């Protein structure tokens, strides 16, 4: 079973993502902010990370930057899930090494 780490500060969105992924058979863990997400990623080494950009403490760009500095986490596929839909935001995330970018709101099929 694939382990997915969801890093999302909005409880409702986080719970929705977790439910969709668990119903599809994934082992899901979550963090409520970027700092907690980096700690969890370094300990658990998930197979995929889904991360919001706009969060308190440490934003998604900071999360990706820190994970890319660690040889054990740098190759984990990383997908931003965010309401930021500006082309510049997308470009910045991809240039930093994100593998994909899902814009909120999104549907179940798009997430899967």
PDB file of N, CA and C in Angstrom:
ATOM      1  N   UNK A   1       0.855  -1.189   0.000  1.00  0.00           N
ATOM      2  CA  UNK A   1       0.000   0.000   0.000  1.00  0.00           C
ATOM      3  C   UNK A   1       0.893   1.242   0.000  1.00  0.00           C
ATOM      4  N   UNK A   2       0.574   2.198  -0.844  1.00  0.00           N
ATOM      5  CA  UNK A   2       1.347   3.427  -0.926  1.00  0.00           C
ATOM      6  C   UNK A   2       1.031   4.348   0.249  1.00  0.00           C
ATOM      7  N   UNK A   3       2.094   4.948   0.822  1.00  0.00           N
ATOM      8  CA  UNK A   3       1.947   5.917   1.906  1.00  0.00           C
ATOM      9  C   UNK A   3       1.933   7.313   1.310  1.00  0.00           C
ATOM     10  N   UNK A   4       0.896   8.077   1.641  1.00  0.00           N
ATOM     11  CA  UNK A   4       0.786   9.446   1.164  1.00  0.00           C
ATOM     12  C   UNK A   4       0.733  10.378   2.359  1.00  0.00           C
ATOM     13  N   UNK A   5       1.563  11.421   2.325  1.00  0.00           N
ATOM     14  CA  UNK A   5       1.547  12.453   3.345  1.00  0.00           C
ATOM     15  C   UNK A   5       0.793  13.661   2.804  1.00  0.00           C
ATOM     16  N   UNK A   6      -0.254  14.069   3.509  1.00  0.00           N
ATOM     17  CA  UNK A   6      -1.038  15.244   3.150  1.00  0.00           C
ATOM     18  C   UNK A   6      -0.660  16.355   4.121  1.00  0.00           C
ATOM     19  N   UNK A   7      -0.184  17.482   3.578  1.00  0.00           N
ATOM     20  CA  UNK A   7       0.174  18.636   4.400  1.00  0.00           C
ATOM     21  C   UNK A   7      -0.797  19.754   4.039  1.00  0.00           C
ATOM     22  N   UNK A   8      -1.756  19.996   4.912  1.00  0.00           N
ATOM     23  CA  UNK A   8      -2.848  20.938   4.633  1.00  0.00           C
ATOM     24  C   UNK A   8      -3.340  21.531   5.948  1.00  0.00           C
ATOM     25  N   UNK A   9      -3.412  22.854   6.047  1.00  0.00           N
ATOM     26  CA  UNK A   9      -3.830  23.498   7.294  1.00  0.00           C
ATOM     27  C   UNK A   9      -5.342  23.624   7.425  1.00  0.00           C
ATOM     28  N   UNK A  10      -6.085  23.569   6.338  1.00  0.00           N
ATOM     29  CA  UNK A  10      -7.542  23.672   6.396  1.00  0.00           C
ATOM     30  C   UNK A  10      -8.133  22.302   6.738  1.00  0.00           C
ATOM     31  N   UNK A  11      -8.774  22.218   7.898  1.00  0.00           N
ATOM     32  CA  UNK A  11      -9.282  20.932   8.381  1.00  0.00           C
ATOM     33  C   UNK A  11     -10.268  20.286   7.411  1.00  0.00           C
ATOM     34  N   UNK A  12     -11.209  21.059   6.882  1.00  0.00           N
ATOM     35  CA  UNK A  12     -12.204  20.501   5.978  1.00  0.00           C
ATOM     36  C   UNK A  12     -11.598  19.945   4.703  1.00  0.00           C
ATOM     37  N   UNK A  13     -10.697  20.692   4.107  1.00  0.00           N
ATOM     38  CA  UNK A  13     -10.036  20.227   2.875  1.00  0.00           C
ATOM     39  C   UNK A  13      -9.177  19.009   3.173  1.00  0.00           C
ATOM     40  N   UNK A  14      -8.435  19.068   4.276  1.00  0.00           N
ATOM     41  CA  UNK A  14      -7.566  17.945   4.671  1.00  0.00           C
ATOM     42  C   UNK A  14      -8.394  16.670   4.861  1.00  0.00           C
ATOM     43  N   UNK A  15      -9.501  16.773   5.580  1.00  0.00           N
ATOM     44  CA  UNK A  15     -10.342  15.591   5.825  1.00  0.00           C
ATOM     45  C   UNK A  15     -10.923  15.041   4.528  1.00  0.00           C
ATOM     46  N   UNK A  16     -11.294  15.922   3.611  1.00  0.00           N
ATOM     47  CA  UNK A  16     -11.825  15.495   2.315  1.00  0.00           C
ATOM     48  C   UNK A  16     -10.760  14.731   1.525  1.00  0.00           C
ATOM     49  N   UNK A  17      -9.556  15.262   1.481  1.00  0.00           N
ATOM     50  CA  UNK A  17      -8.461  14.609   0.756  1.00  0.00           C
ATOM     51  C   UNK A  17      -8.179  13.235   1.364  1.00  0.00           C
ATOM     52  N   UNK A  18      -8.087  13.196   2.701  1.00  0.00           N
ATOM     53  CA  UNK A  18      -7.793  11.937   3.383  1.00  0.00           C
ATOM     54  C   UNK A  18      -8.869  10.898   3.088  1.00  0.00           C
ATOM     55  N   UNK A  19     -10.132  11.300   3.153  1.00  0.00           N
ATOM     56  CA  UNK A  19     -11.224  10.363   2.898  1.00  0.00           C
ATOM     57  C   UNK A  19     -11.153   9.799   1.475  1.00  0.00           C
ATOM     58  N   UNK A  20     -10.942  10.668   0.506  1.00  0.00           N
ATOM     59  CA  UNK A  20     -10.849  10.212  -0.888  1.00  0.00           C
ATOM     60  C   UNK A  20      -9.717   9.206  -1.050  1.00  0.00           C
ATOM     61  N   UNK A  21      -8.558   9.520  -0.483  1.00  0.00           N
ATOM     62  CA  UNK A  21      -7.393   8.653  -0.638  1.00  0.00           C
ATOM     63  C   UNK A  21      -7.549   7.331   0.114  1.00  0.00           C
ATOM     64  N   UNK A  22      -8.104   7.377   1.328  1.00  0.00           N
ATOM     65  CA  UNK A  22      -8.294   6.141   2.089  1.00  0.00           C
ATOM     66  C   UNK A  22      -9.310   5.225   1.413  1.00  0.00           C
ATOM     67  N   UNK A  23     -10.382   5.799   0.877  1.00  0.00           N
ATOM     68  CA  UNK A  23     -11.367   4.984   0.169  1.00  0.00           C
ATOM     69  C   UNK A  23     -10.774   4.332  -1.079  1.00  0.00           C
ATOM     70  N   UNK A  24      -9.729   4.946  -1.625  1.00  0.00           N
ATOM     71  CA  UNK A  24      -9.055   4.387  -2.799  1.00  0.00           C
ATOM     72  C   UNK A  24      -7.964   3.383  -2.395  1.00  0.00           C
ATOM     73  N   UNK A  25      -7.809   3.163  -1.075  1.00  0.00           N
ATOM     74  CA  UNK A  25      -6.877   2.135  -0.616  1.00  0.00           C
ATOM     75  C   UNK A  25      -5.496   2.612  -0.219  1.00  0.00           C
ATOM     76  N   UNK A  26      -5.293   3.915  -0.126  1.00  0.00           N
ATOM     77  CA  UNK A  26      -3.987   4.441   0.259  1.00  0.00           C
ATOM     78  C   UNK A  26      -3.848   4.554   1.764  1.00  0.00           C
ATOM     79  N   UNK A  27      -2.623   4.404   2.247  1.00  0.00           N
ATOM     80  CA  UNK A  27      -2.284   4.619   3.648  1.00  0.00           C
ATOM     81  C   UNK A  27      -1.944   6.109   3.766  1.00  0.00           C
ATOM     82  N   UNK A  28      -2.768   6.863   4.495  1.00  0.00           N
ATOM     83  CA  UNK A  28      -2.635   8.320   4.523  1.00  0.00           C
ATOM     84  C   UNK A  28      -2.243   8.801   5.912  1.00  0.00           C
ATOM     85  N   UNK A  29      -1.260   9.685   5.947  1.00  0.00           N
ATOM     86  CA  UNK A  29      -0.917  10.396   7.176  1.00  0.00           C
ATOM     87  C   UNK A  29      -1.015  11.877   6.853  1.00  0.00           C
ATOM     88  N   UNK A  30      -1.116  12.705   7.894  1.00  0.00           N
ATOM     89  CA  UNK A  30      -1.293  14.126   7.616  1.00  0.00           C
ATOM     90  C   UNK A  30      -0.535  14.995   8.600  1.00  0.00           C
ATOM     91  N   UNK A  31      -0.297  16.211   8.149  1.00  0.00           N
ATOM     92  CA  UNK A  31       0.307  17.259   8.973  1.00  0.00           C
ATOM     93  C   UNK A  31      -0.538  18.513   8.801  1.00  0.00           C
ATOM     94  N   UNK A  32      -0.661  19.301   9.870  1.00  0.00           N
ATOM     95  CA  UNK A  32      -1.513  20.489   9.837  1.00  0.00           C
ATOM     96  C   UNK A  32      -0.753  21.763   9.481  1.00  0.00           C
ATOM     97  N   UNK A  33       0.576  21.665   9.339  1.00  0.00           N
ATOM     98  CA  UNK A  33       1.362  22.817   8.899  1.00  0.00           C
ATOM     99  C   UNK A  33       2.662  22.313   8.267  1.00  0.00           C
ATOM    100  N   UNK A  34       3.390  23.224   7.656  1.00  0.00           N
ATOM    101  CA  UNK A  34       4.596  22.844   6.936  1.00  0.00           C
ATOM    102  C   UNK A  34       5.702  22.299   7.814  1.00  0.00           C
ATOM    103  N   UNK A  35       5.879  22.873   8.988  1.00  0.00           N
ATOM    104  CA  UNK A  35       6.927  22.411   9.896  1.00  0.00           C
ATOM    105  C   UNK A  35       6.681  20.959  10.306  1.00  0.00           C
ATOM    106  N   UNK A  36       5.437  20.672  10.683  1.00  0.00           N
ATOM    107  CA  UNK A  36       5.069  19.310  11.059  1.00  0.00           C
ATOM    108  C   UNK A  36       5.212  18.371   9.857  1.00  0.00           C
ATOM    109  N   UNK A  37       4.884  18.864   8.679  1.00  0.00           N
ATOM    110  CA  UNK A  37       4.990  18.053   7.471  1.00  0.00           C
ATOM    111  C   UNK A  37       6.411  17.637   7.156  1.00  0.00           C
ATOM    112  N   UNK A  38       7.348  18.564   7.292  1.00  0.00           N
ATOM    113  CA  UNK A  38       8.760  18.242   7.041  1.00  0.00           C
ATOM    114  C   UNK A  38       9.234  17.183   8.030  1.00  0.00           C
ATOM    115  N   UNK A  39       8.887  17.353   9.296  1.00  0.00           N
ATOM    116  CA  UNK A  39       9.267  16.377  10.326  1.00  0.00           C
ATOM    117  C   UNK A  39       8.713  14.996   9.999  1.00  0.00           C
ATOM    118  N   UNK A  40       7.437  14.934   9.633  1.00  0.00           N
ATOM    119  CA  UNK A  40       6.814  13.648   9.307  1.00  0.00           C
ATOM    120  C   UNK A  40       7.434  13.017   8.065  1.00  0.00           C
ATOM    121  N   UNK A  41       7.705  13.832   7.058  1.00  0.00           N
ATOM    122  CA  UNK A  41       8.301  13.304   5.825  1.00  0.00           C
ATOM    123  C   UNK A  41       9.685  12.713   6.100  1.00  0.00           C
ATOM    124  N   UNK A  42      10.464  13.379   6.935  1.00  0.00           N
ATOM    125  CA  UNK A  42      11.802  12.893   7.254  1.00  0.00           C
ATOM    126  C   UNK A  42      11.765  11.597   8.054  1.00  0.00           C
ATOM    127  N   UNK A  43      10.749  11.412   8.890  1.00  0.00           N
ATOM    128  CA  UNK A  43      10.640  10.198   9.699  1.00  0.00           C
ATOM    129  C   UNK A  43      10.009   9.047   8.927  1.00  0.00           C
ATOM    130  N   UNK A  44       8.926   9.316   8.212  1.00  0.00           N
ATOM    131  CA  UNK A  44       8.134   8.248   7.587  1.00  0.00           C
ATOM    132  C   UNK A  44       8.535   7.932   6.151  1.00  0.00           C
ATOM    133  N   UNK A  45       9.197   8.850   5.470  1.00  0.00           N
ATOM    134  CA  UNK A  45       9.573   8.703   4.059  1.00  0.00           C
ATOM    135  C   UNK A  45       8.380   8.169   3.238  1.00  0.00           C
ATOM    136  N   UNK A  46       7.368   9.026   3.028  1.00  0.00           N
ATOM    137  CA  UNK A  46       6.187   8.586   2.269  1.00  0.00           C
ATOM    138  C   UNK A  46       6.511   8.372   0.792  1.00  0.00           C
ATOM    139  N   UNK A  47       5.571   7.745   0.100  1.00  0.00           N
ATOM    140  CA  UNK A  47       5.727   7.502  -1.333  1.00  0.00           C
ATOM    141  C   UNK A  47       5.307   8.712  -2.168  1.00  0.00           C
ATOM    142  N   UNK A  48       4.509   9.598  -1.564  1.00  0.00           N
ATOM    143  CA  UNK A  48       3.994  10.789  -2.246  1.00  0.00           C
ATOM    144  C   UNK A  48       3.650  11.840  -1.198  1.00  0.00           C
ATOM    145  N   UNK A  49       3.864  13.103  -1.551  1.00  0.00           N
ATOM    146  CA  UNK A  49       3.483  14.205  -0.670  1.00  0.00           C
ATOM    147  C   UNK A  49       2.542  15.127  -1.428  1.00  0.00           C
ATOM    148  N   UNK A  50       1.394  15.414  -0.815  1.00  0.00           N
ATOM    149  CA  UNK A  50       0.441  16.403  -1.318  1.00  0.00           C
ATOM    150  C   UNK A  50       0.499  17.565  -0.348  1.00  0.00           C
ATOM    151  N   UNK A  51       0.798  18.763  -0.834  1.00  0.00           N
ATOM    152  CA  UNK A  51       1.077  19.881   0.065  1.00  0.00           C
ATOM    153  C   UNK A  51       0.418  21.174  -0.398  1.00  0.00           C
ATOM    154  N   UNK A  52      -0.255  21.831   0.534  1.00  0.00           N
ATOM    155  CA  UNK A  52      -0.803  23.164   0.303  1.00  0.00           C
ATOM    156  C   UNK A  52       0.375  24.142   0.208  1.00  0.00           C
ATOM    157  N   UNK A  53       0.160  25.298  -0.406  1.00  0.00           N
ATOM    158  CA  UNK A  53       1.209  26.319  -0.454  1.00  0.00           C
ATOM    159  C   UNK A  53       1.047  27.316   0.681  1.00  0.00           C
ATOM    160  N   UNK A  54      -0.136  27.882   0.836  1.00  0.00           N
ATOM    161  CA  UNK A  54      -0.346  28.935   1.829  1.00  0.00           C
ATOM    162  C   UNK A  54      -0.711  28.323   3.183  1.00  0.00           C
ATOM    163  N   UNK A  55       0.296  28.262   4.079  1.00  0.00           N
ATOM    164  CA  UNK A  55       0.105  27.711   5.415  1.00  0.00           C
ATOM    165  C   UNK A  55       0.892  28.544   6.420  1.00  0.00           C
ATOM    166  N   UNK A  56       0.454  28.507   7.682  1.00  0.00           N
ATOM    167  CA  UNK A  56       1.219  29.212   8.719  1.00  0.00           C
ATOM    168  C   UNK A  56       2.519  28.463   9.042  1.00  0.00           C
ATOM    169  N   UNK A  57       3.429  29.132   9.673  1.00  0.00           N
ATOM    170  CA  UNK A  57       4.727  28.609  10.123  1.00  0.00           C
ATOM    171  C   UNK A  57       5.693  28.402   8.968  1.00  0.00           C
ATOM    172  N   UNK A  58       5.351  27.519   8.057  1.00  0.00           N
ATOM    173  CA  UNK A  58       6.215  27.224   6.917  1.00  0.00           C
ATOM    174  C   UNK A  58       5.320  26.934   5.725  1.00  0.00           C
ATOM    175  N   UNK A  59       5.454  27.734   4.666  1.00  0.00           N
ATOM    176  CA  UNK A  59       4.583  27.522   3.509  1.00  0.00           C
ATOM    177  C   UNK A  59       5.070  26.338   2.670  1.00  0.00           C
ATOM    178  N   UNK A  60       4.280  25.986   1.673  1.00  0.00           N
ATOM    179  CA  UNK A  60       4.604  24.835   0.839  1.00  0.00           C
ATOM    180  C   UNK A  60       5.914  24.966   0.089  1.00  0.00           C
ATOM    181  N   UNK A  61       6.253  26.180  -0.327  1.00  0.00           N
ATOM    182  CA  UNK A  61       7.543  26.379  -0.999  1.00  0.00           C
ATOM    183  C   UNK A  61       8.687  26.054  -0.050  1.00  0.00           C
ATOM    184  N   UNK A  62       8.555  26.468   1.212  1.00  0.00           N
ATOM    185  CA  UNK A  62       9.569  26.163   2.221  1.00  0.00           C
ATOM    186  C   UNK A  62       9.669  24.681   2.492  1.00  0.00           C
ATOM    187  N   UNK A  63       8.523  24.005   2.524  1.00  0.00           N
ATOM    188  CA  UNK A  63       8.505  22.551   2.719  1.00  0.00           C
ATOM    189  C   UNK A  63       9.287  21.878   1.598  1.00  0.00           C
ATOM    190  N   UNK A  64       8.975  22.220   0.368  1.00  0.00           N
ATOM    191  CA  UNK A  64       9.648  21.614  -0.782  1.00  0.00           C
ATOM    192  C   UNK A  64      11.144  21.907  -0.748  1.00  0.00           C
ATOM    193  N   UNK A  65      11.514  23.137  -0.409  1.00  0.00           N
ATOM    194  CA  UNK A  65      12.925  23.519  -0.336  1.00  0.00           C
ATOM    195  C   UNK A  65      13.668  22.649   0.682  1.00  0.00           C
ATOM    196  N   UNK A  66      13.094  22.494   1.880  1.00  0.00           N
ATOM    197  CA  UNK A  66      13.758  21.696   2.925  1.00  0.00           C
ATOM    198  C   UNK A  66      13.832  20.218   2.553  1.00  0.00           C
ATOM    199  N   UNK A  67      12.778  19.688   1.951  1.00  0.00           N
ATOM    200  CA  UNK A  67      12.788  18.278   1.568  1.00  0.00           C
ATOM    201  C   UNK A  67      13.788  18.014   0.446  1.00  0.00           C
ATOM    202  N   UNK A  68      13.982  18.983  -0.424  1.00  0.00           N
ATOM    203  CA  UNK A  68      14.954  18.824  -1.505  1.00  0.00           C
ATOM    204  C   UNK A  68      16.394  18.854  -1.012  1.00  0.00           C
ATOM    205  N   UNK A  69      16.626  19.372   0.186  1.00  0.00           N
ATOM    206  CA  UNK A  69      17.974  19.419   0.758  1.00  0.00           C
ATOM    207  C   UNK A  69      18.368  18.092   1.406  1.00  0.00           C
ATOM    208  N   UNK A  70      17.394  17.219   1.645  1.00  0.00           N
ATOM    209  CA  UNK A  70      17.642  15.943   2.305  1.00  0.00           C
ATOM    210  C   UNK A  70      17.684  14.834   1.248  1.00  0.00           C
ATOM    211  N   UNK A  71      18.804  14.105   1.145  1.00  0.00           N
ATOM    212  CA  UNK A  71      18.908  13.047   0.137  1.00  0.00           C
ATOM    213  C   UNK A  71      17.823  11.970   0.261  1.00  0.00           C
ATOM    214  N   UNK A  72      17.300  11.750   1.476  1.00  0.00           N
ATOM    215  CA  UNK A  72      16.280  10.723   1.680  1.00  0.00           C
ATOM    216  C   UNK A  72      14.889  11.167   1.221  1.00  0.00           C
ATOM    217  N   UNK A  73      14.653  12.477   1.131  1.00  0.00           N
ATOM    218  CA  UNK A  73      13.322  12.965   0.751  1.00  0.00           C
ATOM    219  C   UNK A  73      13.300  13.698  -0.590  1.00  0.00           C
ATOM    220  N   UNK A  74      14.434  13.969  -1.152  1.00  0.00           N
ATOM    221  CA  UNK A  74      14.478  14.775  -2.382  1.00  0.00           C
ATOM    222  C   UNK A  74      13.799  14.108  -3.574  1.00  0.00           C
ATOM    223  N   UNK A  75      13.727  12.785  -3.590  1.00  0.00           N
ATOM    224  CA  UNK A  75      13.124  12.093  -4.735  1.00  0.00           C
ATOM    225  C   UNK A  75      11.675  11.680  -4.514  1.00  0.00           C
ATOM    226  N   UNK A  76      11.080  12.092  -3.377  1.00  0.00           N
ATOM    227  CA  UNK A  76       9.672  11.775  -3.138  1.00  0.00           C
ATOM    228  C   UNK A  76       8.822  12.647  -4.063  1.00  0.00           C
ATOM    229  N   UNK A  77       7.935  12.054  -4.852  1.00  0.00           N
ATOM    230  CA  UNK A  77       7.062  12.882  -5.697  1.00  0.00           C
ATOM    231  C   UNK A  77       6.281  13.874  -4.826  1.00  0.00           C
ATOM    232  N   UNK A  78       6.229  15.122  -5.287  1.00  0.00           N
ATOM    233  CA  UNK A  78       5.666  16.226  -4.505  1.00  0.00           C
ATOM    234  C   UNK A  78       4.662  16.979  -5.369  1.00  0.00           C
ATOM    235  N   UNK A  79       3.423  17.055  -4.890  1.00  0.00           N
ATOM    236  CA  UNK A  79       2.360  17.734  -5.635  1.00  0.00           C
ATOM    237  C   UNK A  79       1.780  18.850  -4.771  1.00  0.00           C
ATOM    238  N   UNK A  80       1.772  20.047  -5.326  1.00  0.00           N
ATOM    239  CA  UNK A  80       1.124  21.162  -4.643  1.00  0.00           C
ATOM    240  C   UNK A  80      -0.381  21.079  -4.857  1.00  0.00           C
ATOM    241  N   UNK A  81      -1.143  21.293  -3.783  1.00  0.00           N
ATOM    242  CA  UNK A  81      -2.594  21.430  -3.865  1.00  0.00           C
ATOM    243  C   UNK A  81      -2.904  22.806  -3.302  1.00  0.00           C
ATOM    244  N   UNK A  82      -3.389  23.710  -4.152  1.00  0.00           N
ATOM    245  CA  UNK A  82      -3.512  25.087  -3.706  1.00  0.00           C
ATOM    246  C   UNK A  82      -4.588  25.863  -4.451  1.00  0.00           C
ATOM    247  N   UNK A  83      -5.016  26.950  -3.835  1.00  0.00           N
ATOM    248  CA  UNK A  83      -5.963  27.856  -4.478  1.00  0.00           C
ATOM    249  C   UNK A  83      -5.227  28.853  -5.371  1.00  0.00           C
ATOM    250  N   UNK A  84      -3.904  28.905  -5.263  1.00  0.00           N
ATOM    251  CA  UNK A  84      -3.116  29.827  -6.076  1.00  0.00           C
ATOM    252  C   UNK A  84      -3.057  29.296  -7.507  1.00  0.00           C
ATOM    253  N   UNK A  85      -3.741  29.970  -8.404  1.00  0.00           N
ATOM    254  CA  UNK A  85      -3.831  29.458  -9.772  1.00  0.00           C
ATOM    255  C   UNK A  85      -3.108  30.341 -10.793  1.00  0.00           C
ATOM    256  N   UNK A  86      -2.397  31.339 -10.312  1.00  0.00           N
ATOM    257  CA  UNK A  86      -1.657  32.224 -11.202  1.00  0.00           C
ATOM    258  C   UNK A  86      -0.523  31.455 -11.890  1.00  0.00           C
ATOM    259  N   UNK A  87      -0.290  31.750 -13.153  1.00  0.00           N
ATOM    260  CA  UNK A  87       0.756  31.071 -13.918  1.00  0.00           C
ATOM    261  C   UNK A  87       2.130  31.217 -13.257  1.00  0.00           C
ATOM    262  N   UNK A  88       2.385  32.375 -12.656  1.00  0.00           N
ATOM    263  CA  UNK A  88       3.656  32.600 -11.970  1.00  0.00           C
ATOM    264  C   UNK A  88       3.828  31.676 -10.778  1.00  0.00           C
ATOM    265  N   UNK A  89       2.739  31.426 -10.047  1.00  0.00           N
ATOM    266  CA  UNK A  89       2.797  30.504  -8.908  1.00  0.00           C
ATOM    267  C   UNK A  89       3.083  29.082  -9.384  1.00  0.00           C
ATOM    268  N   UNK A  90       2.416  28.688 -10.448  1.00  0.00           N
ATOM    269  CA  UNK A  90       2.635  27.368 -11.024  1.00  0.00           C
ATOM    270  C   UNK A  90       4.087  27.216 -11.460  1.00  0.00           C
ATOM    271  N   UNK A  91       4.593  28.197 -12.164  1.00  0.00           N
ATOM    272  CA  UNK A  91       5.968  28.161 -12.664  1.00  0.00           C
ATOM    273  C   UNK A  91       6.960  28.068 -11.497  1.00  0.00           C
ATOM    274  N   UNK A  92       6.739  28.874 -10.458  1.00  0.00           N
ATOM    275  CA  UNK A  92       7.638  28.865  -9.298  1.00  0.00           C
ATOM    276  C   UNK A  92       7.686  27.472  -8.675  1.00  0.00           C
ATOM    277  N   UNK A  93       6.525  26.868  -8.469  1.00  0.00           N
ATOM    278  CA  UNK A  93       6.479  25.533  -7.881  1.00  0.00           C
ATOM    279  C   UNK A  93       7.192  24.497  -8.728  1.00  0.00           C
ATOM    280  N   UNK A  94       6.981  24.548 -10.014  1.00  0.00           N
ATOM    281  CA  UNK A  94       7.608  23.574 -10.908  1.00  0.00           C
ATOM    282  C   UNK A  94       9.121  23.796 -10.990  1.00  0.00           C
ATOM    283  N   UNK A  95       9.548  25.049 -10.996  1.00  0.00           N
ATOM    284  CA  UNK A  95      10.981  25.338 -11.028  1.00  0.00           C
ATOM    285  C   UNK A  95      11.674  24.879  -9.750  1.00  0.00           C
ATOM    286  N   UNK A  96      10.945  24.871  -8.644  1.00  0.00           N
ATOM    287  CA  UNK A  96      11.516  24.414  -7.372  1.00  0.00           C
ATOM    288  C   UNK A  96      11.597  22.897  -7.298  1.00  0.00           C
ATOM    289  N   UNK A  97      10.927  22.212  -8.207  1.00  0.00           N
ATOM    290  CA  UNK A  97      11.011  20.762  -8.239  1.00  0.00           C
ATOM    291  C   UNK A  97       9.717  20.023  -7.968  1.00  0.00           C
ATOM    292  N   UNK A  98       8.590  20.740  -7.877  1.00  0.00           N
ATOM    293  CA  UNK A  98       7.308  20.052  -7.699  1.00  0.00           C
ATOM    294  C   UNK A  98       7.028  19.204  -8.935  1.00  0.00           C
ATOM    295  N   UNK A  99       6.368  18.085  -8.704  1.00  0.00           N
ATOM    296  CA  UNK A  99       6.055  17.177  -9.812  1.00  0.00           C
ATOM    297  C   UNK A  99       4.732  17.497 -10.479  1.00  0.00           C
ATOM    298  N   UNK A 100       3.843  18.146  -9.738  1.00  0.00           N
ATOM    299  CA  UNK A 100       2.554  18.514 -10.311  1.00  0.00           C
ATOM    300  C   UNK A 100       1.916  19.585  -9.439  1.00  0.00           C
ATOM    301  N   UNK A 101       0.763  20.058  -9.884  1.00  0.00           N
ATOM    302  CA  UNK A 101       0.100  21.197  -9.261  1.00  0.00           C
ATOM    303  C   UNK A 101      -1.385  21.016  -9.465  1.00  0.00           C
ATOM    304  N   UNK A 102      -2.138  20.819  -8.367  1.00  0.00           N
ATOM    305  CA  UNK A 102      -3.588  20.672  -8.455  1.00  0.00           C
ATOM    306  C   UNK A 102      -4.224  21.911  -7.849  1.00  0.00           C
ATOM    307  N   UNK A 103      -5.124  22.531  -8.595  1.00  0.00           N
ATOM    308  CA  UNK A 103      -5.768  23.760  -8.136  1.00  0.00           C
ATOM    309  C   UNK A 103      -7.087  23.451  -7.437  1.00  0.00           C
ATOM    310  N   UNK A 104      -7.272  24.075  -6.268  1.00  0.00           N
ATOM    311  CA  UNK A 104      -8.535  23.976  -5.525  1.00  0.00           C
ATOM    312  C   UNK A 104      -9.560  24.877  -6.191  1.00  0.00           C
ATOM    313  N   UNK A 105     -10.799  24.500  -6.227  1.00  0.00           N
ATOM    314  CA  UNK A 105     -11.340  23.203  -5.817  1.00  0.00           C
ATOM    315  C   UNK A 105     -11.041  22.152  -6.875  1.00  0.00           C
ATOM    316  N   UNK A 106     -10.971  20.918  -6.462  1.00  0.00           N
ATOM    317  CA  UNK A 106     -10.689  19.823  -7.367  1.00  0.00           C
ATOM    318  C   UNK A 106     -11.667  18.692  -7.080  1.00  0.00           C
ATOM    319  N   UNK A 107     -11.809  17.818  -8.028  1.00  0.00           N
ATOM    320  CA  UNK A 107     -12.709  16.678  -7.869  1.00  0.00           C
ATOM    321  C   UNK A 107     -11.944  15.421  -7.456  1.00  0.00           C
ATOM    322  N   UNK A 108     -12.702  14.424  -7.080  1.00  0.00           N
ATOM    323  CA  UNK A 108     -12.129  13.156  -6.641  1.00  0.00           C
ATOM    324  C   UNK A 108     -11.255  12.527  -7.725  1.00  0.00           C
ATOM    325  N   UNK A 109     -11.757  12.502  -8.939  1.00  0.00           N
ATOM    326  CA  UNK A 109     -11.007  11.885 -10.023  1.00  0.00           C
ATOM    327  C   UNK A 109      -9.714  12.642 -10.320  1.00  0.00           C
ATOM    328  N   UNK A 110      -9.766  13.959 -10.248  1.00  0.00           N
ATOM    329  CA  UNK A 110      -8.563  14.750 -10.486  1.00  0.00           C
ATOM    330  C   UNK A 110      -7.511  14.452  -9.413  1.00  0.00           C
ATOM    331  N   UNK A 111      -7.942  14.333  -8.170  1.00  0.00           N
ATOM    332  CA  UNK A 111      -7.016  14.032  -7.081  1.00  0.00           C
ATOM    333  C   UNK A 111      -6.385  12.653  -7.278  1.00  0.00           C
ATOM    334  N   UNK A 112      -7.208  11.675  -7.584  1.00  0.00           N
ATOM    335  CA  UNK A 112      -6.693  10.319  -7.744  1.00  0.00           C
ATOM    336  C   UNK A 112      -5.849  10.198  -9.010  1.00  0.00           C
TER     337      UNK A 112
END
